[in-house]
């Protein structure tokens, strides 16, 4: 930098070198990592693994941003990196803190005069976190503004695919927030999201919309989008499951079974769902034969991928089929109850909701009770008066405690599971 006369760059490099004197190689990095791990172990020993993790993470948050600001300057790329890193790290269990970091990042980027399209990705992250955090009233105008800006930016820079993706996602986020608020404008908002999706011809957005629409019981809209997907991709499992659920809600069980039968290479959930529709149509012998053709092994382990293999077809309308598969997870659920991490609570929630939608409210109630107990205990483990700390988990997932009430009511009264008032989806 000196040789080329770039004194500003040379000054920046000197500042960086001062924080990591030569030799700054693998040995130094390992030494720093070793000291950090040793310090973390002291905290874990003092507070226990669960609370200790949060104490270490909170300290790292503050230290990383402060260090970057003091060392490289408040508007440096290092500060931008630190803010982005902290926002992502906090997204899973501290959504309000993550929103704060993203907002600081957005403000910094705007002040530095970057192109608006570079700010839009941060705004999308905030919108997604608002949905997960239940900040529906704030999200409605925020997503509307994001949708307009992302659409304009995608037209100005059509080669940037991520802008198109955000232009598609923002109207759906707005519609979902309105639905959670039970706003009468939610259905019209979904209509706008559907038209935006069709204007771009985006199949991925169509699938997410179908799950929302089935969940919201906007059956005409769900059938319209699902039918378009089937026309574009004959035999599409997810779209046909959704069309079948719409038919079943109208009492057309033969039609529902026929739609599922049209699936190309159906998975076990779909086969079992078809059997459920045949049962409802009075064709019990055919239903029994189908069930006998499916061999379900007891689940030995469960990853988040395994959860989505269960929850995705469920959210496309395969309630009874997904519940039949969920029963094979019951032995694994007992291990989750013993393990009792927050992820275990989330998995138990999903298995319980799946069982409840399939009519098995007894096991669903038992698992939901355990899930609520684990989640509440961990949510209070490191609560604080500053930003709530671990209590942000309780605040974010409060709707799932209402789902617990729904399932308890169904278990005691025998209420039809499809009448539950709360969804398990954000």
Protein backbone atom coordinates (compact mmCIF):
# COMPACT_ATOMS: atom_id res chain seq x y z
CA UNK A 1 0.00 0.00 0.00
CA UNK A 2 2.91 2.35 0.78
CA UNK A 3 4.53 1.52 -2.54
CA UNK A 4 1.39 2.48 -4.44
CA UNK A 5 0.92 5.63 -2.41
CA UNK A 6 -2.31 4.48 -0.75
CA UNK A 7 -1.63 5.88 2.73
CA UNK A 8 -5.21 5.33 3.93
CA UNK A 9 -4.98 1.62 3.14
CA UNK A 10 -1.55 1.41 4.74
CA UNK A 11 -2.91 2.94 7.96
CA UNK A 12 -5.75 0.39 7.98
CA UNK A 13 -3.34 -2.50 7.50
CA UNK A 14 -1.16 -1.24 10.35
CA UNK A 15 -4.21 -1.20 12.65
CA UNK A 16 -5.03 -4.76 11.68
CA UNK A 17 -1.43 -5.89 12.18
CA UNK A 18 -1.36 -4.30 15.62
CA UNK A 19 -4.22 -6.51 16.76
CA UNK A 20 -2.44 -9.64 15.55
CA UNK A 21 1.37 -9.21 15.72
CA UNK A 22 3.41 -11.39 13.40
CA UNK A 23 3.61 -14.31 13.21
CA UNK A 24 -0.19 -14.38 13.04
CA UNK A 25 -0.66 -17.97 11.93
CA UNK A 26 -2.35 -21.17 12.99
CA UNK A 27 -0.38 -21.39 16.26
CA UNK A 28 -1.59 -17.99 17.45
CA UNK A 29 -5.17 -18.76 16.44
CA UNK A 30 -5.07 -22.07 18.30
CA UNK A 31 -3.70 -20.34 21.39
CA UNK A 32 -6.47 -17.72 21.35
CA UNK A 33 -9.09 -20.41 20.80
CA UNK A 34 -7.64 -22.42 23.69
CA UNK A 35 -7.86 -19.44 26.05
CA UNK A 36 -11.46 -18.75 24.95
CA UNK A 37 -12.45 -22.39 25.49
CA UNK A 38 -10.84 -22.42 28.94
CA UNK A 39 -12.73 -19.26 29.90
CA UNK A 40 -15.97 -20.77 28.61
CA UNK A 41 -15.45 -23.90 30.70
CA UNK A 42 -15.13 -21.75 33.83
CA UNK A 43 -18.46 -20.08 33.04
CA UNK A 44 -20.11 -23.43 32.28
CA UNK A 45 -18.86 -24.83 35.61
CA UNK A 46 -20.22 -21.80 37.48
CA UNK A 47 -23.64 -21.59 35.88
CA UNK A 48 -24.26 -25.01 34.31
CA UNK A 49 -24.17 -25.84 30.57
CA UNK A 50 -27.53 -24.29 29.60
CA UNK A 51 -27.17 -20.94 31.38
CA UNK A 52 -23.40 -20.88 30.84
CA UNK A 53 -23.82 -21.09 27.08
CA UNK A 54 -26.01 -17.99 27.08
CA UNK A 55 -23.61 -16.09 29.37
CA UNK A 56 -20.70 -16.84 27.04
CA UNK A 57 -22.73 -15.97 23.94
CA UNK A 58 -23.93 -12.66 25.42
CA UNK A 59 -20.37 -11.70 26.36
CA UNK A 60 -19.15 -12.63 22.88
CA UNK A 61 -21.86 -10.46 21.31
CA UNK A 62 -20.85 -7.34 23.20
CA UNK A 63 -17.12 -8.00 22.93
CA UNK A 64 -17.10 -8.65 19.19
CA UNK A 65 -18.92 -5.46 18.22
CA UNK A 66 -17.10 -3.25 20.76
CA UNK A 67 -13.72 -4.64 19.70
CA UNK A 68 -14.45 -3.97 16.02
CA UNK A 69 -15.68 -0.43 16.72
CA UNK A 70 -12.72 0.53 18.90
CA UNK A 71 -10.10 -1.10 16.69
CA UNK A 72 -11.25 -0.40 13.16
CA UNK A 73 -13.76 2.44 13.50
CA UNK A 74 -17.52 2.54 13.92
CA UNK A 75 -18.23 2.45 10.17
CA UNK A 76 -15.61 -0.14 9.19
CA UNK A 77 -16.25 -3.35 7.30
CA UNK A 78 -15.17 -5.22 10.45
CA UNK A 79 -18.06 -3.66 12.39
CA UNK A 80 -20.45 -4.59 9.59
CA UNK A 81 -19.16 -8.17 9.72
CA UNK A 82 -19.47 -8.29 13.53
CA UNK A 83 -23.04 -6.98 13.46
CA UNK A 84 -24.05 -9.42 10.74
CA UNK A 85 -22.43 -12.32 12.58
CA UNK A 86 -24.12 -11.42 15.87
CA UNK A 87 -27.49 -11.02 14.14
CA UNK A 88 -27.26 -14.48 12.58
CA UNK A 89 -26.01 -16.07 15.81
CA UNK A 90 -28.91 -14.64 17.83
CA UNK A 91 -31.58 -15.41 15.24
CA UNK A 92 -32.47 -18.85 16.63
CA UNK A 93 -32.90 -18.05 20.32
CA UNK A 94 -32.77 -14.24 20.75
CA UNK A 95 -34.96 -12.88 17.93
CA UNK A 96 -35.39 -9.39 19.40
CA UNK A 97 -31.66 -9.05 19.93
CA UNK A 98 -31.09 -10.28 16.36
CA UNK A 99 -33.55 -7.67 15.06
CA UNK A 100 -31.61 -5.00 16.98
CA UNK A 101 -28.32 -6.07 15.39
CA UNK A 102 -29.85 -6.20 11.91
CA UNK A 103 -31.31 -2.72 12.40
CA UNK A 104 -27.92 -1.35 13.45
CA UNK A 105 -26.43 -3.03 10.40
CA UNK A 106 -29.08 -1.54 8.09
CA UNK A 107 -28.61 1.94 9.55
CA UNK A 108 -24.86 1.67 9.08
CA UNK A 109 -25.22 0.53 5.47
CA UNK A 110 -27.68 3.31 4.65
CA UNK A 111 -25.41 5.93 6.24
CA UNK A 112 -22.47 4.67 4.17
CA UNK A 113 -24.45 5.27 0.97
CA UNK A 114 -24.58 1.72 -0.41
CA UNK A 115 -27.06 0.76 -3.12
CA UNK A 116 -30.61 0.21 -1.77
CA UNK A 117 -30.57 -3.36 -3.10
CA UNK A 118 -27.76 -4.18 -0.65
CA UNK A 119 -29.94 -3.06 2.29
CA UNK A 120 -32.96 -5.07 1.19
CA UNK A 121 -31.45 -8.41 2.26
CA UNK A 122 -31.09 -7.12 5.82
CA UNK A 123 -34.66 -5.86 5.78
CA UNK A 124 -35.87 -9.29 4.67
CA UNK A 125 -34.02 -10.91 7.58
CA UNK A 126 -35.77 -8.49 9.94
CA UNK A 127 -39.16 -9.30 8.39
CA UNK A 128 -38.64 -13.05 8.83
CA UNK A 129 -37.60 -12.54 12.45
CA UNK A 130 -40.65 -10.32 13.07
CA UNK A 131 -42.87 -13.16 11.87
CA UNK A 132 -41.14 -15.69 14.13
CA UNK A 133 -41.23 -13.27 17.05
CA UNK A 134 -44.96 -12.67 16.66
CA UNK A 135 -44.47 -8.98 15.89
CA UNK A 136 -47.37 -9.14 13.45
CA UNK A 137 -48.63 -5.57 13.79
CA UNK A 138 -45.13 -4.20 13.13
CA UNK A 139 -44.57 -6.65 10.30
CA UNK A 140 -47.61 -5.66 8.22
CA UNK A 141 -46.40 -2.17 7.19
CA UNK A 142 -42.74 -3.25 7.25
CA UNK A 143 -43.39 -6.10 4.78
CA UNK A 144 -45.55 -3.87 2.56
CA UNK A 145 -42.71 -1.38 2.24
CA UNK A 146 -40.19 -4.18 1.69
CA UNK A 147 -42.37 -5.73 -1.03
CA UNK A 148 -42.62 -2.47 -2.98
CA UNK A 149 -38.89 -1.73 -2.71
CA UNK A 150 -37.82 -5.29 -3.56
CA UNK A 151 -40.12 -5.38 -6.59
CA UNK A 152 -38.72 -2.08 -7.89
CA UNK A 153 -35.14 -3.21 -7.23
CA UNK A 154 -35.69 -6.59 -8.95
CA UNK A 155 -36.98 -4.83 -12.06
CA UNK A 156 -34.03 -2.42 -12.04
CA UNK A 157 -31.50 -5.25 -11.53
CA UNK A 158 -33.11 -8.40 -13.01
CA UNK A 159 -29.79 -10.28 -12.88
CA UNK A 160 -29.89 -10.26 -9.05
CA UNK A 161 -32.07 -13.27 -8.36
CA UNK A 162 -32.15 -12.66 -4.60
CA UNK A 163 -34.12 -9.45 -5.17
CA UNK A 164 -36.78 -11.38 -7.04
CA UNK A 165 -36.89 -13.90 -4.20
CA UNK A 166 -37.49 -11.12 -1.65
CA UNK A 167 -40.12 -9.50 -3.89
CA UNK A 168 -41.96 -12.83 -3.79
CA UNK A 169 -41.49 -13.49 -0.07
CA UNK A 170 -42.45 -10.08 1.33
CA UNK A 171 -46.14 -10.14 0.22
CA UNK A 172 -46.49 -13.62 1.75
CA UNK A 173 -44.98 -12.44 5.04
CA UNK A 174 -47.45 -9.56 5.12
CA UNK A 175 -50.38 -11.87 4.40
CA UNK A 176 -49.27 -14.36 7.06
CA UNK A 177 -48.98 -11.58 9.64
CA UNK A 178 -52.50 -10.37 8.81
CA UNK A 179 -53.80 -13.94 9.14
CA UNK A 180 -52.18 -14.33 12.56
CA UNK A 181 -53.88 -11.06 13.56
CA UNK A 182 -57.19 -12.48 12.29
CA UNK A 183 -57.43 -9.38 10.12
CA UNK A 184 -60.27 -9.55 7.55
CA UNK A 185 -57.81 -8.27 4.94
CA UNK A 186 -55.64 -11.38 5.19
CA UNK A 187 -57.41 -13.25 2.40
CA UNK A 188 -57.07 -10.34 -0.02
CA UNK A 189 -53.40 -10.01 0.95
CA UNK A 190 -52.87 -13.65 0.08
CA UNK A 191 -54.58 -12.94 -3.23
CA UNK A 192 -51.94 -10.27 -3.92
CA UNK A 193 -49.15 -12.66 -2.93
CA UNK A 194 -50.57 -15.28 -5.29
CA UNK A 195 -50.72 -12.85 -8.20
CA UNK A 196 -47.12 -11.78 -7.53
CA UNK A 197 -46.10 -15.45 -7.52
CA UNK A 198 -47.87 -16.13 -10.81
CA UNK A 199 -46.30 -13.03 -12.39
CA UNK A 200 -42.85 -14.49 -11.69
CA UNK A 201 -43.88 -18.13 -12.21
CA UNK A 202 -42.00 -19.27 -9.11
CA UNK A 203 -42.73 -22.85 -8.00
CA UNK A 204 -40.87 -22.61 -4.66
CA UNK A 205 -42.98 -19.65 -3.55
CA UNK A 206 -46.08 -21.50 -4.74
CA UNK A 207 -45.32 -24.39 -2.38
CA UNK A 208 -44.88 -22.16 0.66
CA UNK A 209 -48.09 -20.33 -0.25
CA UNK A 210 -49.97 -23.62 -0.51
CA UNK A 211 -48.92 -24.59 3.02
CA UNK A 212 -50.10 -21.20 4.30
CA UNK A 213 -53.39 -21.45 2.42
CA UNK A 214 -54.15 -25.00 3.60
CA UNK A 215 -53.35 -23.89 7.16
CA UNK A 216 -55.59 -20.82 6.83
CA UNK A 217 -58.39 -22.88 5.22
CA UNK A 218 -58.43 -20.62 2.18
CA UNK A 219 -59.40 -23.65 0.16
CA UNK A 220 -60.27 -22.04 -3.17
CA UNK A 221 -56.94 -20.24 -3.29
CA UNK A 222 -55.02 -23.35 -2.17
CA UNK A 223 -56.66 -25.42 -4.89
CA UNK A 224 -55.94 -22.81 -7.55
CA UNK A 225 -52.22 -22.66 -6.77
CA UNK A 226 -51.92 -26.43 -6.31
CA UNK A 227 -53.72 -27.10 -9.58
CA UNK A 228 -51.27 -24.83 -11.42
CA UNK A 229 -48.37 -26.76 -9.90
CA UNK A 230 -49.84 -30.09 -10.99
CA UNK A 231 -50.34 -28.77 -14.51
CA UNK A 232 -46.69 -27.71 -14.59
CA UNK A 233 -45.47 -30.91 -12.93
CA UNK A 234 -47.93 -33.84 -13.26
CA UNK A 235 -47.82 -36.20 -10.30
CA UNK A 236 -46.46 -33.56 -7.91
CA UNK A 237 -46.93 -35.03 -4.43
CA UNK A 238 -47.21 -31.85 -2.40
CA UNK A 239 -49.67 -30.14 -4.71
CA UNK A 240 -51.86 -33.23 -5.01
CA UNK A 241 -51.92 -33.70 -1.23
CA UNK A 242 -53.16 -30.13 -0.91
CA UNK A 243 -55.85 -30.57 -3.56
CA UNK A 244 -56.94 -33.77 -1.83
CA UNK A 245 -57.30 -31.99 1.53
CA UNK A 246 -59.48 -29.35 -0.10
CA UNK A 247 -61.65 -32.09 -1.61
CA UNK A 248 -61.89 -33.88 1.75
CA UNK A 249 -62.99 -30.70 3.50
CA UNK A 250 -65.83 -30.58 1.01
CA UNK A 251 -66.79 -34.16 1.85
CA UNK A 252 -65.51 -35.49 -1.50
CA UNK A 253 -63.45 -38.37 -0.11
CA UNK A 254 -63.48 -40.45 -3.30
CA UNK A 255 -62.08 -37.46 -5.18
CA UNK A 256 -59.50 -36.92 -2.45
CA UNK A 257 -58.34 -40.56 -2.68
CA UNK A 258 -58.16 -40.32 -6.48
CA UNK A 259 -56.02 -37.18 -6.30
CA UNK A 260 -53.54 -38.86 -3.95
CA UNK A 261 -53.52 -41.92 -6.22
CA UNK A 262 -52.26 -39.68 -9.03
CA UNK A 263 -49.01 -38.94 -7.15
CA UNK A 264 -45.95 -40.20 -8.95
CA UNK A 265 -43.84 -42.46 -6.69
CA UNK A 266 -45.75 -41.66 -3.48
CA UNK A 267 -43.96 -41.75 -0.14
CA UNK A 268 -45.41 -43.75 2.79
CA UNK A 269 -47.16 -40.67 4.20
CA UNK A 270 -49.07 -40.21 0.93
CA UNK A 271 -50.04 -43.90 0.71
CA UNK A 272 -51.34 -43.83 4.28
CA UNK A 273 -53.19 -40.61 3.57
CA UNK A 274 -54.93 -42.19 0.60
CA UNK A 275 -55.94 -45.08 2.87
CA UNK A 276 -57.48 -42.58 5.32
CA UNK A 277 -59.54 -41.00 2.55
CA UNK A 278 -60.69 -44.43 1.35
CA UNK A 279 -61.79 -45.24 4.90
CA UNK A 280 -63.81 -42.02 4.97
CA UNK A 281 -65.34 -42.97 1.61
CA UNK A 282 -66.45 -46.31 3.07
CA UNK A 283 -63.92 -48.40 1.13
CA UNK A 284 -62.37 -50.03 4.18
CA UNK A 285 -61.09 -53.20 2.46
CA UNK A 286 -59.12 -51.18 -0.10
CA UNK A 287 -57.85 -48.94 2.68
CA UNK A 288 -56.65 -51.93 4.73
CA UNK A 289 -54.83 -53.38 1.73
CA UNK A 290 -53.02 -50.10 1.18
CA UNK A 291 -51.96 -49.87 4.81
CA UNK A 292 -50.66 -53.44 4.69
CA UNK A 293 -48.44 -52.47 1.75
CA UNK A 294 -46.59 -49.89 3.85
CA UNK A 295 -43.85 -51.02 6.21
CA UNK A 296 -42.94 -48.41 8.82
CA UNK A 297 -39.86 -48.93 10.98
CA UNK A 298 -39.59 -47.40 14.42
CA UNK A 299 -37.49 -44.27 14.07
CA UNK A 300 -33.99 -44.71 15.46
CA UNK A 301 -32.94 -41.08 15.35
CA UNK A 302 -34.46 -37.80 14.30
CA UNK A 303 -32.77 -34.81 12.71
CA UNK A 304 -34.42 -31.57 11.63
CA UNK A 305 -34.49 -33.15 8.18
CA UNK A 306 -36.51 -35.98 9.66
CA UNK A 307 -38.90 -33.47 11.20
CA UNK A 308 -39.46 -31.76 7.84
CA UNK A 309 -40.06 -35.15 6.21
CA UNK A 310 -42.93 -35.43 8.67
CA UNK A 311 -44.16 -31.85 8.88
CA UNK A 312 -43.98 -30.91 5.18
CA UNK A 313 -46.56 -33.46 3.96
CA UNK A 314 -48.64 -32.70 7.06
CA UNK A 315 -48.70 -29.01 6.20
CA UNK A 316 -49.73 -29.84 2.64
CA UNK A 317 -52.78 -31.58 4.13
CA UNK A 318 -51.73 -35.20 4.78
CA UNK A 319 -52.89 -35.07 8.39
CA UNK A 320 -53.78 -38.71 8.98
CA UNK A 321 -50.87 -40.09 6.95
CA UNK A 322 -48.35 -37.92 8.79
CA UNK A 323 -49.87 -38.91 12.14
CA UNK A 324 -49.45 -42.59 11.29
CA UNK A 325 -45.76 -42.01 10.63
CA UNK A 326 -45.44 -39.80 13.74
CA UNK A 327 -46.49 -42.77 15.90
CA UNK A 328 -43.23 -44.50 14.93
CA UNK A 329 -41.42 -41.60 16.62
CA UNK A 330 -43.02 -42.19 20.03
CA UNK A 331 -40.10 -44.27 21.42
CA UNK A 332 -37.74 -41.54 20.22
CA UNK A 333 -39.94 -38.91 21.86
CA UNK A 334 -39.28 -40.57 25.21
CA UNK A 335 -35.55 -40.01 24.65
CA UNK A 336 -36.24 -36.35 23.84
CA UNK A 337 -38.12 -35.96 27.12
CA UNK A 338 -35.05 -37.25 28.97
CA UNK A 339 -32.60 -35.14 26.93
CA UNK A 340 -34.81 -32.07 27.49
CA UNK A 341 -33.07 -29.45 25.33
CA UNK A 342 -35.02 -26.62 23.72
CA UNK A 343 -34.61 -28.32 20.34
CA UNK A 344 -36.15 -31.44 21.91
CA UNK A 345 -39.11 -29.34 23.04
CA UNK A 346 -39.56 -27.99 19.51
CA UNK A 347 -39.47 -31.50 18.05
CA UNK A 348 -41.96 -32.74 20.65
CA UNK A 349 -44.25 -29.85 19.73
CA UNK A 350 -44.18 -30.84 16.09
CA UNK A 351 -44.76 -34.54 16.74
CA UNK A 352 -47.62 -33.70 19.12
CA UNK A 353 -49.30 -31.34 16.66
CA UNK A 354 -48.99 -33.96 13.92
CA UNK A 355 -50.59 -36.60 16.13
CA UNK A 356 -53.37 -34.20 17.12
CA UNK A 357 -54.23 -33.34 13.52
CA UNK A 358 -54.46 -37.07 12.84
CA UNK A 359 -56.89 -37.54 15.74
CA UNK A 360 -54.50 -39.03 18.33
CA UNK A 361 -55.08 -36.37 20.97
CA UNK A 362 -54.14 -38.56 23.95
CA UNK A 363 -50.47 -39.02 22.96
CA UNK A 364 -50.44 -35.48 21.56
CA UNK A 365 -51.50 -34.06 24.92
CA UNK A 366 -48.87 -36.08 26.78
CA UNK A 367 -46.07 -34.90 24.49
CA UNK A 368 -47.26 -31.30 24.47
CA UNK A 369 -47.31 -31.25 28.26
CA UNK A 370 -43.69 -32.42 28.32
CA UNK A 371 -42.68 -29.99 25.57
CA UNK A 372 -44.26 -27.04 27.38
CA UNK A 373 -42.57 -28.03 30.64
CA UNK A 374 -39.11 -28.29 29.05
CA UNK A 375 -39.48 -25.08 27.05
CA UNK A 376 -40.79 -23.02 29.97
CA UNK A 377 -38.02 -24.21 32.30
CA UNK A 378 -35.28 -23.35 29.78
CA UNK A 379 -36.93 -20.04 28.90
CA UNK A 380 -36.54 -18.88 32.49
CA UNK A 381 -33.02 -20.32 32.87
CA UNK A 382 -31.19 -17.10 32.00
CA UNK A 383 -33.84 -14.38 32.03
CA UNK A 384 -32.64 -10.83 32.63
CA UNK A 385 -34.03 -7.31 32.95
CA UNK A 386 -32.04 -5.92 30.01
CA UNK A 387 -33.48 -7.66 26.96
CA UNK A 388 -35.25 -10.62 28.55
CA UNK A 389 -32.36 -13.01 27.87
CA UNK A 390 -33.57 -16.58 27.50
CA UNK A 391 -37.12 -15.36 28.18
CA UNK A 392 -37.16 -14.25 24.53
CA UNK A 393 -37.77 -17.94 23.73
CA UNK A 394 -40.96 -17.94 25.81
CA UNK A 395 -42.12 -14.69 24.24
CA UNK A 396 -41.38 -15.91 20.71
CA UNK A 397 -43.09 -19.28 21.11
CA UNK A 398 -46.07 -18.16 23.18
CA UNK A 399 -48.45 -19.29 20.44
CA UNK A 400 -47.28 -22.86 20.97
CA UNK A 401 -48.45 -22.73 24.57
CA UNK A 402 -51.86 -21.80 23.18
CA UNK A 403 -51.54 -24.83 20.93
CA UNK A 404 -51.06 -26.87 24.11
CA UNK A 405 -54.44 -25.53 25.29
CA UNK A 406 -56.03 -26.49 21.95
CA UNK A 407 -54.71 -30.04 22.16
CA UNK A 408 -55.74 -30.40 25.81
CA UNK A 409 -59.25 -29.23 24.88
CA UNK A 410 -59.44 -31.72 22.00
CA UNK A 411 -58.17 -34.54 24.25
CA UNK A 412 -60.79 -33.87 26.93
CA UNK A 413 -63.80 -32.92 24.81
CA UNK A 414 -63.21 -34.95 21.66
CA UNK A 415 -63.33 -31.77 19.53
CA UNK A 416 -62.37 -32.41 15.90
CA UNK A 417 -58.62 -31.82 15.51
CA UNK A 418 -59.00 -29.77 12.32
CA UNK A 419 -60.81 -27.14 14.38
CA UNK A 420 -57.71 -26.21 16.40
CA UNK A 421 -57.42 -22.44 16.57
CA UNK A 422 -53.62 -22.21 16.55
CA UNK A 423 -51.11 -23.44 13.98
CA UNK A 424 -47.71 -24.93 14.84
CA UNK A 425 -46.17 -22.90 12.01
CA UNK A 426 -44.82 -19.37 12.32
